[in-house]
Amino acid sequence: MPIQLSPTRIKGSKYLLIPKDLAQLLEIDDGSVLNLTIEDTDKGQRLVYSIRQKTSNAVGD
């Protein structure tokens, strides 16, 4: 079941905010990295996000 999100404008840029409940369900936190892929479909473009945890860098952290 899709959810509908409206872009939020901040200083001329547009952002899609992740609702808190969804972020908790998907375990998205400050250490998460989201990669965005844009796919063309016959109905338009589809934004596909993949989520991974940020890896700690032993040097410099």
Protein backbone atom coordinates (compact mmCIF):
# COMPACT_ATOMS: atom_id res chain seq x y z
CA MET A 1 0.00 0.00 0.00
CA PRO A 2 1.65 3.25 -1.09
CA ILE A 3 1.77 6.33 1.11
CA GLN A 4 1.54 9.81 -0.32
CA LEU A 5 4.18 12.37 0.69
CA SER A 6 4.21 16.03 -0.22
CA PRO A 7 7.57 17.75 -0.69
CA THR A 8 8.66 20.23 1.97
CA ARG A 9 10.46 23.34 0.75
CA ILE A 10 13.47 24.58 2.72
CA LYS A 11 15.62 27.43 1.36
CA GLY A 12 14.64 26.79 -2.26
CA SER A 13 15.23 23.02 -2.14
CA LYS A 14 12.54 20.36 -1.85
CA TYR A 15 12.73 17.44 0.54
CA LEU A 16 10.64 14.34 1.17
CA LEU A 17 10.33 13.94 4.92
CA ILE A 18 10.05 10.42 6.30
CA PRO A 19 7.25 10.14 8.87
CA LYS A 20 8.58 9.18 12.31
CA ASP A 21 6.59 5.92 12.51
CA LEU A 22 7.89 4.80 9.10
CA ALA A 23 11.48 5.69 10.03
CA GLN A 24 11.15 3.59 13.18
CA LEU A 25 9.60 0.68 11.27
CA LEU A 26 12.45 0.72 8.73
CA GLU A 27 15.04 1.34 11.47
CA ILE A 28 16.27 4.55 9.82
CA ASP A 29 18.38 6.60 12.22
CA ASP A 30 21.22 9.14 12.16
CA GLY A 31 23.65 6.38 11.13
CA SER A 32 21.61 5.33 8.09
CA VAL A 33 22.59 6.06 4.51
CA LEU A 34 19.84 6.18 1.89
CA ASN A 35 20.69 5.72 -1.79
CA LEU A 36 18.21 7.04 -4.36
CA THR A 37 17.61 5.46 -7.75
CA ILE A 38 15.20 6.97 -10.28
CA GLU A 39 13.45 4.47 -12.52
CA ASP A 40 11.37 5.30 -15.59
CA THR A 41 8.09 3.42 -15.83
CA ASP A 42 5.12 3.63 -18.16
CA LYS A 43 3.32 5.63 -15.42
CA GLY A 44 6.15 8.12 -14.84
CA GLN A 45 9.25 8.14 -12.67
CA ARG A 46 9.63 6.03 -9.55
CA LEU A 47 11.96 6.96 -6.69
CA VAL A 48 13.54 3.87 -5.14
CA TYR A 49 15.49 4.21 -1.90
CA SER A 50 17.83 1.59 -0.47
CA ILE A 51 18.85 1.85 3.18
CA ARG A 52 22.10 0.78 4.81
CA GLN A 53 23.90 1.60 8.02
CA LYS A 54 26.88 3.96 7.78
CA THR A 55 30.12 2.05 8.30
CA SER A 56 32.59 3.45 10.78
CA ASN A 57 35.91 4.47 9.29
CA ALA A 58 38.74 3.28 11.57
CA VAL A 59 41.03 6.12 10.48
CA GLY A 60 39.76 9.62 11.23
CA ASP A 61 36.72 8.70 13.35
